[in-house]
PDB file of N, CA and C in Angstrom:
ATOM      1  N   UNK A   1     100.995  75.665  75.873  1.00  0.00           N
ATOM      2  CA  UNK A   1     100.406  75.418  77.119  1.00  0.00           C
ATOM      3  C   UNK A   1     101.659  76.127  78.137  1.00  0.00           C
ATOM      4  N   UNK A   2     103.263  75.448  77.474  1.00  0.00           N
ATOM      5  CA  UNK A   2     104.222  76.253  78.557  1.00  0.00           C
ATOM      6  C   UNK A   2     104.251  77.948  78.417  1.00  0.00           C
ATOM      7  N   UNK A   3     103.339  78.581  77.471  1.00  0.00           N
ATOM      8  CA  UNK A   3     103.308  79.933  77.491  1.00  0.00           C
ATOM      9  C   UNK A   3     102.412  80.485  78.526  1.00  0.00           C
ATOM     10  N   UNK A   4     101.274  79.688  78.392  1.00  0.00           N
ATOM     11  CA  UNK A   4     100.012  80.134  79.162  1.00  0.00           C
ATOM     12  C   UNK A   4     100.585  80.039  80.674  1.00  0.00           C
ATOM     13  N   UNK A   5     101.570  78.875  81.083  1.00  0.00           N
ATOM     14  CA  UNK A   5     102.083  78.950  82.465  1.00  0.00           C
ATOM     15  C   UNK A   5     103.308  79.949  82.611  1.00  0.00           C
ATOM     16  N   UNK A   6     103.934  80.403  81.862  1.00  0.00           N
ATOM     17  CA  UNK A   6     104.439  81.594  82.214  1.00  0.00           C
ATOM     18  C   UNK A   6     103.824  83.072  82.652  1.00  0.00           C
ATOM     19  N   UNK A   7     103.018  82.954  81.274  1.00  0.00           N
ATOM     20  CA  UNK A   7     101.905  84.339  81.851  1.00  0.00           C
ATOM     21  C   UNK A   7     101.333  84.227  82.759  1.00  0.00           C
ATOM     22  N   UNK A   8     100.747  83.150  83.412  1.00  0.00           N
ATOM     23  CA  UNK A   8     100.224  83.019  84.636  1.00  0.00           C
ATOM     24  C   UNK A   8     101.050  83.566  85.771  1.00  0.00           C
ATOM     25  N   UNK A   9     102.244  82.850  85.926  1.00  0.00           N
ATOM     26  CA  UNK A   9     103.316  82.993  86.919  1.00  0.00           C
ATOM     27  C   UNK A   9     103.462  84.557  86.978  1.00  0.00           C
ATOM     28  N   UNK A  10     103.798  84.840  85.853  1.00  0.00           N
ATOM     29  CA  UNK A  10     104.239  86.772  85.514  1.00  0.00           C
ATOM     30  C   UNK A  10     102.995  87.488  86.357  1.00  0.00           C
ATOM     31  N   UNK A  11     101.749  87.055  85.731  1.00  0.00           N
ATOM     32  CA  UNK A  11     100.304  87.574  86.279  1.00  0.00           C
ATOM     33  C   UNK A  11     100.464  87.441  87.984  1.00  0.00           C
ATOM     34  N   UNK A  12     100.541  86.590  88.553  1.00  0.00           N
ATOM     35  CA  UNK A  12     100.310  86.165  89.760  1.00  0.00           C
ATOM     36  C   UNK A  12     101.419  86.993  90.664  1.00  0.00           C
ATOM     37  N   UNK A  13     102.931  86.860  90.189  1.00  0.00           N
ATOM     38  CA  UNK A  13     103.706  87.302  90.959  1.00  0.00           C
ATOM     39  C   UNK A  13     103.532  89.086  90.956  1.00  0.00           C
ATOM     40  N   UNK A  14     103.125  89.805  90.051  1.00  0.00           N
ATOM     41  CA  UNK A  14     102.808  91.322  89.594  1.00  0.00           C
ATOM     42  C   UNK A  14     101.442  91.669  90.199  1.00  0.00           C
ATOM     43  N   UNK A  15     100.581  90.301  90.875  1.00  0.00           N
ATOM     44  CA  UNK A  15      99.370  90.948  91.369  1.00  0.00           C
ATOM     45  C   UNK A  15      99.371  90.708  92.714  1.00  0.00           C
ATOM     46  N   UNK A  16     100.296  89.695  93.374  1.00  0.00           N
ATOM     47  CA  UNK A  16     100.786  89.607  94.928  1.00  0.00           C
ATOM     48  C   UNK A  16     101.955  90.566  95.344  1.00  0.00           C
ATOM     49  N   UNK A  17     102.416  91.607  94.663  1.00  0.00           N
ATOM     50  CA  UNK A  17     103.682  92.116  95.341  1.00  0.00           C
ATOM     51  C   UNK A  17     103.131  92.741  95.949  1.00  0.00           C
ATOM     52  N   UNK A  18     104.442  93.680  97.056  1.00  0.00           N
ATOM     53  CA  UNK A  18     103.734  94.325  98.137  1.00  0.00           C
ATOM     54  C   UNK A  18     103.449  95.960  97.533  1.00  0.00           C
ATOM     55  N   UNK A  19     103.841  96.510  96.531  1.00  0.00           N
ATOM     56  CA  UNK A  19     103.543  97.413  95.922  1.00  0.00           C
ATOM     57  C   UNK A  19     101.765  97.441  95.372  1.00  0.00           C
ATOM     58  N   UNK A  20     101.602  96.318  95.057  1.00  0.00           N
ATOM     59  CA  UNK A  20      99.977  96.195  94.591  1.00  0.00           C
ATOM     60  C   UNK A  20      99.505  96.138  96.103  1.00  0.00           C
ATOM     61  N   UNK A  21      99.883  95.041  96.604  1.00  0.00           N
ATOM     62  CA  UNK A  21      99.060  95.111  98.010  1.00  0.00           C
ATOM     63  C   UNK A  21      98.795  96.789  99.133  1.00  0.00           C
ATOM     64  N   UNK A  22      99.942  97.542  98.644  1.00  0.00           N
ATOM     65  CA  UNK A  22      99.715  98.581  99.359  1.00  0.00           C
ATOM     66  C   UNK A  22      98.545  99.597  98.521  1.00  0.00           C
ATOM     67  N   UNK A  23      98.571  99.662  97.246  1.00  0.00           N
ATOM     68  CA  UNK A  23      97.651 100.301  96.405  1.00  0.00           C
ATOM     69  C   UNK A  23      96.406  99.886  96.635  1.00  0.00           C
ATOM     70  N   UNK A  24      96.318  98.649  96.699  1.00  0.00           N
ATOM     71  CA  UNK A  24      94.491  97.954  96.932  1.00  0.00           C
ATOM     72  C   UNK A  24      94.444  98.317  98.428  1.00  0.00           C
ATOM     73  N   UNK A  25      95.211  98.477  99.130  1.00  0.00           N
ATOM     74  CA  UNK A  25      94.811  99.108 100.808  1.00  0.00           C
ATOM     75  C   UNK A  25      94.370 100.432 100.837  1.00  0.00           C
ATOM     76  N   UNK A  26      95.074 101.042 100.245  1.00  0.00           N
ATOM     77  CA  UNK A  26      95.432 102.900 100.537  1.00  0.00           C
ATOM     78  C   UNK A  26      94.404 103.635  99.338  1.00  0.00           C
ATOM     79  N   UNK A  27      94.805 103.225  98.060  1.00  0.00           N
ATOM     80  CA  UNK A  27      93.800 104.348  97.412  1.00  0.00           C
ATOM     81  C   UNK A  27      92.807 104.354  97.176  1.00  0.00           C
ATOM     82  N   UNK A  28      92.075 105.782  96.854  1.00  0.00           N
ATOM     83  CA  UNK A  28      90.553 106.103  97.420  1.00  0.00           C
ATOM     84  C   UNK A  28      90.246 106.139  98.728  1.00  0.00           C
ATOM     85  N   UNK A  29      91.068 105.904  99.468  1.00  0.00           N
ATOM     86  CA  UNK A  29      90.720 106.158 100.873  1.00  0.00           C
ATOM     87  C   UNK A  29      91.494 107.437 101.394  1.00  0.00           C
ATOM     88  N   UNK A  30      91.209 108.304 102.507  1.00  0.00           N
ATOM     89  CA  UNK A  30      91.677 109.534 103.270  1.00  0.00           C
ATOM     90  C   UNK A  30      93.161 109.116 103.650  1.00  0.00           C
ATOM     91  N   UNK A  31      93.914 110.393 103.454  1.00  0.00           N
ATOM     92  CA  UNK A  31      95.275 110.314 104.052  1.00  0.00           C
ATOM     93  C   UNK A  31      95.330 110.071 105.399  1.00  0.00           C
ATOM     94  N   UNK A  32      94.189 110.495 106.221  1.00  0.00           N
ATOM     95  CA  UNK A  32      93.858 109.816 107.648  1.00  0.00           C
ATOM     96  C   UNK A  32      94.029 108.672 107.778  1.00  0.00           C
ATOM     97  N   UNK A  33      93.832 107.981 107.178  1.00  0.00           N
ATOM     98  CA  UNK A  33      93.805 106.637 107.470  1.00  0.00           C
ATOM     99  C   UNK A  33      95.110 105.916 107.330  1.00  0.00           C
ATOM    100  N   UNK A  34      96.118 106.416 106.620  1.00  0.00           N
ATOM    101  CA  UNK A  34      97.372 106.407 106.390  1.00  0.00           C
ATOM    102  C   UNK A  34      98.353 106.766 107.542  1.00  0.00           C
ATOM    103  N   UNK A  35      98.269 108.123 108.055  1.00  0.00           N
ATOM    104  CA  UNK A  35      98.663 108.631 108.906  1.00  0.00           C
ATOM    105  C   UNK A  35      98.207 108.556 110.106  1.00  0.00           C
ATOM    106  N   UNK A  36      97.292 107.522 110.676  1.00  0.00           N
ATOM    107  CA  UNK A  36      96.843 106.908 111.844  1.00  0.00           C
ATOM    108  C   UNK A  36      98.063 105.685 111.750  1.00  0.00           C
ATOM    109  N   UNK A  37      98.243 104.942 110.746  1.00  0.00           N
ATOM    110  CA  UNK A  37      99.334 104.015 110.747  1.00  0.00           C
ATOM    111  C   UNK A  37     100.637 104.236 111.072  1.00  0.00           C
ATOM    112  N   UNK A  38     100.825 105.178 110.044  1.00  0.00           N
ATOM    113  CA  UNK A  38     102.547 105.405 109.644  1.00  0.00           C
ATOM    114  C   UNK A  38     102.849 106.299 110.671  1.00  0.00           C
ATOM    115  N   UNK A  39     101.835 107.453 111.219  1.00  0.00           N
ATOM    116  CA  UNK A  39     102.290 108.530 112.082  1.00  0.00           C
ATOM    117  C   UNK A  39     102.395 109.572 111.302  1.00  0.00           C
ATOM    118  N   UNK A  40     103.360 110.811 111.573  1.00  0.00           N
ATOM    119  CA  UNK A  40     103.261 111.895 110.652  1.00  0.00           C
ATOM    120  C   UNK A  40     104.614 111.560 109.499  1.00  0.00           C
ATOM    121  N   UNK A  41     103.857 112.372 108.646  1.00  0.00           N
ATOM    122  CA  UNK A  41     104.882 112.584 107.220  1.00  0.00           C
ATOM    123  C   UNK A  41     106.278 113.041 107.617  1.00  0.00           C
ATOM    124  N   UNK A  42     107.531 112.448 106.756  1.00  0.00           N
ATOM    125  CA  UNK A  42     108.666 113.135 107.153  1.00  0.00           C
ATOM    126  C   UNK A  42     108.310 114.436 106.209  1.00  0.00           C
ATOM    127  N   UNK A  43     107.973 114.294 104.951  1.00  0.00           N
ATOM    128  CA  UNK A  43     108.386 115.674 104.187  1.00  0.00           C
ATOM    129  C   UNK A  43     106.743 115.643 103.378  1.00  0.00           C
ATOM    130  N   UNK A  44     106.545 117.029 103.101  1.00  0.00           N
ATOM    131  CA  UNK A  44     105.416 117.146 102.206  1.00  0.00           C
ATOM    132  C   UNK A  44     105.608 118.583 101.662  1.00  0.00           C
ATOM    133  N   UNK A  45     105.330 117.877  99.782  1.00  0.00           N
ATOM    134  CA  UNK A  45     105.779 118.922  98.956  1.00  0.00           C
ATOM    135  C   UNK A  45     104.290 118.860  98.073  1.00  0.00           C
ATOM    136  N   UNK A  46     104.555 119.943  97.139  1.00  0.00           N
ATOM    137  CA  UNK A  46     103.459 120.269  96.122  1.00  0.00           C
ATOM    138  C   UNK A  46     103.993 119.625  94.715  1.00  0.00           C
ATOM    139  N   UNK A  47     103.091 118.882  94.140  1.00  0.00           N
ATOM    140  CA  UNK A  47     103.538 118.508  92.660  1.00  0.00           C
ATOM    141  C   UNK A  47     102.471 119.051  91.671  1.00  0.00           C
ATOM    142  N   UNK A  48     102.542 118.742  90.558  1.00  0.00           N
ATOM    143  CA  UNK A  48     101.501 118.924  89.935  1.00  0.00           C
ATOM    144  C   UNK A  48     100.374 117.899  89.484  1.00  0.00           C
ATOM    145  N   UNK A  49     100.663 116.907  90.533  1.00  0.00           N
ATOM    146  CA  UNK A  49      99.418 115.949  90.409  1.00  0.00           C
ATOM    147  C   UNK A  49      98.734 116.096  91.931  1.00  0.00           C
ATOM    148  N   UNK A  50      99.174 117.019  92.610  1.00  0.00           N
ATOM    149  CA  UNK A  50      98.801 117.018  94.243  1.00  0.00           C
ATOM    150  C   UNK A  50     100.058 117.085  95.318  1.00  0.00           C
ATOM    151  N   UNK A  51      99.236 117.066  96.315  1.00  0.00           N
ATOM    152  CA  UNK A  51     100.520 116.565  97.405  1.00  0.00           C
ATOM    153  C   UNK A  51     101.510 115.644  97.570  1.00  0.00           C
ATOM    154  N   UNK A  52     102.722 115.564  97.617  1.00  0.00           N
ATOM    155  CA  UNK A  52     103.113 114.380  98.069  1.00  0.00           C
ATOM    156  C   UNK A  52     103.637 113.972  99.565  1.00  0.00           C
ATOM    157  N   UNK A  53     103.278 113.201 100.129  1.00  0.00           N
ATOM    158  CA  UNK A  53     103.509 112.887 101.593  1.00  0.00           C
ATOM    159  C   UNK A  53     104.483 111.869 101.495  1.00  0.00           C
ATOM    160  N   UNK A  54     105.760 112.139 102.211  1.00  0.00           N
ATOM    161  CA  UNK A  54     106.857 111.170 102.216  1.00  0.00           C
ATOM    162  C   UNK A  54     106.714 110.488 103.749  1.00  0.00           C
ATOM    163  N   UNK A  55     106.815 109.378 103.857  1.00  0.00           N
ATOM    164  CA  UNK A  55     106.791 108.342 105.336  1.00  0.00           C
ATOM    165  C   UNK A  55     108.123 107.715 105.150  1.00  0.00           C
ATOM    166  N   UNK A  56     108.259 107.906 106.099  1.00  0.00           N
ATOM    167  CA  UNK A  56     110.114 106.870 106.162  1.00  0.00           C
ATOM    168  C   UNK A  56     110.035 105.825 107.652  1.00  0.00           C
ATOM    169  N   UNK A  57     110.701 104.665 107.853  1.00  0.00           N
ATOM    170  CA  UNK A  57     110.253 104.310 108.600  1.00  0.00           C
ATOM    171  C   UNK A  57     111.947 103.055 108.434  1.00  0.00           C
ATOM    172  N   UNK A  58     112.561 103.243 109.476  1.00  0.00           N
ATOM    173  CA  UNK A  58     113.942 102.568 109.689  1.00  0.00           C
ATOM    174  C   UNK A  58     114.112 101.414 110.604  1.00  0.00           C
ATOM    175  N   UNK A  59     114.715 100.581 109.957  1.00  0.00           N
ATOM    176  CA  UNK A  59     114.947  99.375 111.209  1.00  0.00           C
ATOM    177  C   UNK A  59     116.283  98.797 110.726  1.00  0.00           C
ATOM    178  N   UNK A  60     116.756  98.441 111.644  1.00  0.00           N
ATOM    179  CA  UNK A  60     118.000  97.915 111.995  1.00  0.00           C
ATOM    180  C   UNK A  60     118.089  95.947 111.620  1.00  0.00           C
ATOM    181  N   UNK A  61     118.527  95.574 110.831  1.00  0.00           N
ATOM    182  CA  UNK A  61     118.469  93.774 110.427  1.00  0.00           C
ATOM    183  C   UNK A  61     119.999  93.743 111.092  1.00  0.00           C
ATOM    184  N   UNK A  62     120.140  92.706 111.996  1.00  0.00           N
ATOM    185  CA  UNK A  62     121.209  92.174 112.371  1.00  0.00           C
ATOM    186  C   UNK A  62     121.571  91.299 111.336  1.00  0.00           C
ATOM    187  N   UNK A  63     123.067  90.803 111.348  1.00  0.00           N
ATOM    188  CA  UNK A  63     123.949  89.936 110.863  1.00  0.00           C
ATOM    189  C   UNK A  63     123.277  88.460 110.739  1.00  0.00           C
ATOM    190  N   UNK A  64     123.457  87.590 110.037  1.00  0.00           N
ATOM    191  CA  UNK A  64     122.488  86.627 110.003  1.00  0.00           C
ATOM    192  C   UNK A  64     123.867  85.565 109.424  1.00  0.00           C
ATOM    193  N   UNK A  65     124.137  84.154 109.773  1.00  0.00           N
ATOM    194  CA  UNK A  65     124.729  83.318 109.141  1.00  0.00           C
ATOM    195  C   UNK A  65     124.216  82.568 108.065  1.00  0.00           C
ATOM    196  N   UNK A  66     124.795  82.412 106.908  1.00  0.00           N
ATOM    197  CA  UNK A  66     124.000  81.573 105.981  1.00  0.00           C
ATOM    198  C   UNK A  66     124.348  80.385 105.800  1.00  0.00           C
ATOM    199  N   UNK A  67     123.275  79.523 105.715  1.00  0.00           N
ATOM    200  CA  UNK A  67     123.309  77.895 105.776  1.00  0.00           C
ATOM    201  C   UNK A  67     123.681  77.629 104.719  1.00  0.00           C
ATOM    202  N   UNK A  68     124.943  76.778 104.551  1.00  0.00           N
ATOM    203  CA  UNK A  68     125.282  76.124 103.325  1.00  0.00           C
ATOM    204  C   UNK A  68     124.873  74.635 103.428  1.00  0.00           C
ATOM    205  N   UNK A  69     124.437  74.244 104.343  1.00  0.00           N
ATOM    206  CA  UNK A  69     123.991  72.919 104.462  1.00  0.00           C
ATOM    207  C   UNK A  69     125.268  71.763 104.369  1.00  0.00           C
ATOM    208  N   UNK A  70     126.408  72.335 105.148  1.00  0.00           N
ATOM    209  CA  UNK A  70     127.135  71.404 105.073  1.00  0.00           C
ATOM    210  C   UNK A  70     127.912  72.047 106.224  1.00  0.00           C
ATOM    211  N   UNK A  71     129.286  71.338 106.728  1.00  0.00           N
ATOM    212  CA  UNK A  71     129.991  71.476 108.184  1.00  0.00           C
ATOM    213  C   UNK A  71     131.196  72.651 107.561  1.00  0.00           C
ATOM    214  N   UNK A  72     131.075  73.661 107.894  1.00  0.00           N
ATOM    215  CA  UNK A  72     132.440  74.433 107.369  1.00  0.00           C
ATOM    216  C   UNK A  72     133.068  75.341 108.670  1.00  0.00           C
ATOM    217  N   UNK A  73     134.688  75.245 108.390  1.00  0.00           N
ATOM    218  CA  UNK A  73     135.115  76.103 109.403  1.00  0.00           C
ATOM    219  C   UNK A  73     134.931  77.311 109.440  1.00  0.00           C
ATOM    220  N   UNK A  74     134.625  77.928 108.148  1.00  0.00           N
ATOM    221  CA  UNK A  74     134.561  79.609 107.960  1.00  0.00           C
ATOM    222  C   UNK A  74     133.021  79.789 107.814  1.00  0.00           C
ATOM    223  N   UNK A  75     132.403  80.280 108.500  1.00  0.00           N
ATOM    224  CA  UNK A  75     131.022  80.402 108.339  1.00  0.00           C
ATOM    225  C   UNK A  75     130.765  81.739 107.442  1.00  0.00           C
ATOM    226  N   UNK A  76     129.833  81.804 106.528  1.00  0.00           N
ATOM    227  CA  UNK A  76     129.629  82.928 105.967  1.00  0.00           C
ATOM    228  C   UNK A  76     128.509  83.893 106.734  1.00  0.00           C
ATOM    229  N   UNK A  77     128.747  85.055 106.782  1.00  0.00           N
ATOM    230  CA  UNK A  77     127.596  85.797 107.607  1.00  0.00           C
ATOM    231  C   UNK A  77     127.134  87.183 106.806  1.00  0.00           C
ATOM    232  N   UNK A  78     125.965  87.777 106.669  1.00  0.00           N
ATOM    233  CA  UNK A  78     125.615  88.755 105.848  1.00  0.00           C
ATOM    234  C   UNK A  78     126.036  89.892 106.843  1.00  0.00           C
ATOM    235  N   UNK A  79     126.454  90.864 106.400  1.00  0.00           N
ATOM    236  CA  UNK A  79     126.506  92.469 107.278  1.00  0.00           C
ATOM    237  C   UNK A  79     125.290  92.882 107.781  1.00  0.00           C
ATOM    238  N   UNK A  80     125.618  93.498 108.791  1.00  0.00           N
ATOM    239  CA  UNK A  80     124.688  94.471 109.459  1.00  0.00           C
ATOM    240  C   UNK A  80     123.910  95.836 108.783  1.00  0.00           C
ATOM    241  N   UNK A  81     122.979  95.619 108.791  1.00  0.00           N
ATOM    242  CA  UNK A  81     122.550  96.742 107.729  1.00  0.00           C
ATOM    243  C   UNK A  81     121.333  97.713 108.421  1.00  0.00           C
ATOM    244  N   UNK A  82     121.072  98.759 107.910  1.00  0.00           N
ATOM    245  CA  UNK A  82     119.851  99.302 108.501  1.00  0.00           C
ATOM    246  C   UNK A  82     119.187  99.833 107.086  1.00  0.00           C
ATOM    247  N   UNK A  83     118.112  99.487 107.294  1.00  0.00           N
ATOM    248  CA  UNK A  83     116.976  99.370 106.077  1.00  0.00           C
ATOM    249  C   UNK A  83     115.820 100.673 106.391  1.00  0.00           C
ATOM    250  N   UNK A  84     115.827 100.928 105.284  1.00  0.00           N
ATOM    251  CA  UNK A  84     114.849 102.443 105.353  1.00  0.00           C
ATOM    252  C   UNK A  84     113.785 102.222 103.953  1.00  0.00           C
ATOM    253  N   UNK A  85     112.792 102.432 104.770  1.00  0.00           N
ATOM    254  CA  UNK A  85     111.315 101.841 103.717  1.00  0.00           C
ATOM    255  C   UNK A  85     110.940 103.493 103.417  1.00  0.00           C
ATOM    256  N   UNK A  86     110.999 103.726 102.347  1.00  0.00           N
ATOM    257  CA  UNK A  86     109.939 105.285 102.286  1.00  0.00           C
ATOM    258  C   UNK A  86     108.850 104.836 101.428  1.00  0.00           C
ATOM    259  N   UNK A  87     107.669 105.315 101.693  1.00  0.00           N
ATOM    260  CA  UNK A  87     106.576 105.510 101.291  1.00  0.00           C
ATOM    261  C   UNK A  87     106.297 107.028 100.581  1.00  0.00           C
ATOM    262  N   UNK A  88     105.955 107.064  98.876  1.00  0.00           N
ATOM    263  CA  UNK A  88     105.771 108.231  98.593  1.00  0.00           C
ATOM    264  C   UNK A  88     104.014 108.485  97.981  1.00  0.00           C
ATOM    265  N   UNK A  89     103.457 109.207  99.062  1.00  0.00           N
ATOM    266  CA  UNK A  89     101.855 108.811  98.919  1.00  0.00           C
ATOM    267  C   UNK A  89     101.658 110.147  97.778  1.00  0.00           C
ATOM    268  N   UNK A  90     100.668 110.226  97.067  1.00  0.00           N
ATOM    269  CA  UNK A  90     100.643 111.191  96.045  1.00  0.00           C
ATOM    270  C   UNK A  90      98.969 111.557  96.480  1.00  0.00           C
ATOM    271  N   UNK A  91      98.546 112.452  97.198  1.00  0.00           N
ATOM    272  CA  UNK A  91      97.069 113.108  97.406  1.00  0.00           C
ATOM    273  C   UNK A  91      96.688 114.028  96.973  1.00  0.00           C
ATOM    274  N   UNK A  92      95.176 113.916  96.507  1.00  0.00           N
ATOM    275  CA  UNK A  92      94.429 115.165  95.929  1.00  0.00           C
ATOM    276  C   UNK A  92      93.398 115.016  96.235  1.00  0.00           C
ATOM    277  N   UNK A  93      93.046 116.585  96.967  1.00  0.00           N
ATOM    278  CA  UNK A  93      91.610 116.198  97.564  1.00  0.00           C
ATOM    279  C   UNK A  93      91.346 115.934  98.563  1.00  0.00           C
ATOM    280  N   UNK A  94      92.427 115.371  99.423  1.00  0.00           N
ATOM    281  CA  UNK A  94      92.383 114.466 100.629  1.00  0.00           C
ATOM    282  C   UNK A  94      92.417 113.202 100.347  1.00  0.00           C
ATOM    283  N   UNK A  95      92.434 112.708  99.246  1.00  0.00           N
ATOM    284  CA  UNK A  95      92.491 111.392  98.953  1.00  0.00           C
ATOM    285  C   UNK A  95      93.477 110.942  98.034  1.00  0.00           C
ATOM    286  N   UNK A  96      93.986 109.311  98.818  1.00  0.00           N
ATOM    287  CA  UNK A  96      95.278 108.977  98.264  1.00  0.00           C
ATOM    288  C   UNK A  96      94.831 108.614  96.633  1.00  0.00           C
ATOM    289  N   UNK A  97      95.864 108.729  95.693  1.00  0.00           N
ATOM    290  CA  UNK A  97      95.452 108.378  94.031  1.00  0.00           C
ATOM    291  C   UNK A  97      96.699 107.768  93.793  1.00  0.00           C
ATOM    292  N   UNK A  98      98.130 107.725  94.606  1.00  0.00           N
ATOM    293  CA  UNK A  98      99.074 106.956  93.870  1.00  0.00           C
ATOM    294  C   UNK A  98     100.284 106.860  95.175  1.00  0.00           C
ATOM    295  N   UNK A  99     100.605 105.414  95.154  1.00  0.00           N
ATOM    296  CA  UNK A  99     101.290 104.919  96.500  1.00  0.00           C
ATOM    297  C   UNK A  99     102.565 104.426  95.719  1.00  0.00           C
ATOM    298  N   UNK A 100     103.739 104.877  96.089  1.00  0.00           N
ATOM    299  CA  UNK A 100     105.029 104.157  95.325  1.00  0.00           C
ATOM    300  C   UNK A 100     106.049 103.879  96.637  1.00  0.00           C
ATOM    301  N   UNK A 101     106.630 102.742  96.794  1.00  0.00           N
ATOM    302  CA  UNK A 101     107.517 102.183  97.706  1.00  0.00           C
ATOM    303  C   UNK A 101     108.787 102.324  97.423  1.00  0.00           C
ATOM    304  N   UNK A 102     109.723 102.481  98.060  1.00  0.00           N
ATOM    305  CA  UNK A 102     111.214 102.228  98.417  1.00  0.00           C
ATOM    306  C   UNK A 102     111.960 101.924  99.165  1.00  0.00           C
ATOM    307  N   UNK A 103     112.768 101.101  98.866  1.00  0.00           N
ATOM    308  CA  UNK A 103     113.666 100.391 100.104  1.00  0.00           C
ATOM    309  C   UNK A 103     115.076 100.618  99.775  1.00  0.00           C
ATOM    310  N   UNK A 104     115.849 100.982 100.786  1.00  0.00           N
ATOM    311  CA  UNK A 104     117.234 101.412 100.835  1.00  0.00           C
ATOM    312  C   UNK A 104     117.923 100.832 101.717  1.00  0.00           C
ATOM    313  N   UNK A 105     118.813  99.823 101.585  1.00  0.00           N
ATOM    314  CA  UNK A 105     119.653  99.350 102.591  1.00  0.00           C
ATOM    315  C   UNK A 105     121.216  99.622 102.754  1.00  0.00           C
ATOM    316  N   UNK A 106     121.801 100.250 104.157  1.00  0.00           N
ATOM    317  CA  UNK A 106     123.234 100.833 104.011  1.00  0.00           C
ATOM    318  C   UNK A 106     123.652  99.958 105.287  1.00  0.00           C
ATOM    319  N   UNK A 107     125.017  99.622 104.623  1.00  0.00           N
ATOM    320  CA  UNK A 107     125.726  98.643 105.560  1.00  0.00           C
ATOM    321  C   UNK A 107     126.551  99.477 106.781  1.00  0.00           C
ATOM    322  N   UNK A 108     126.513  98.860 107.919  1.00  0.00           N
ATOM    323  CA  UNK A 108     126.776  99.828 109.146  1.00  0.00           C
ATOM    324  C   UNK A 108     128.203  98.968 109.557  1.00  0.00           C
TER     325      UNK A 108
END
């Protein structure tokens, strides 16, 4: 029973990930559906499996204080970062066949 619960938790975690949701939303649809939402791709190059479109979205994340649940004189603060989210979209004959997401964080 314990193994079943661990396996169930793992399956639910993988099935509900952001990567899986992207794949369910866009695989099998034309590339125009994605360009309408994200705009023009940053780069396009040919690969053996089709054309790869790279979409990039940058977002500045402000510093925040980490709550420790007690009163402290020196608060712990996370640094300010710039988040870059890249989507690598493989397209064959105008239809999306694969999506890969990559996040990068850079301190400022």
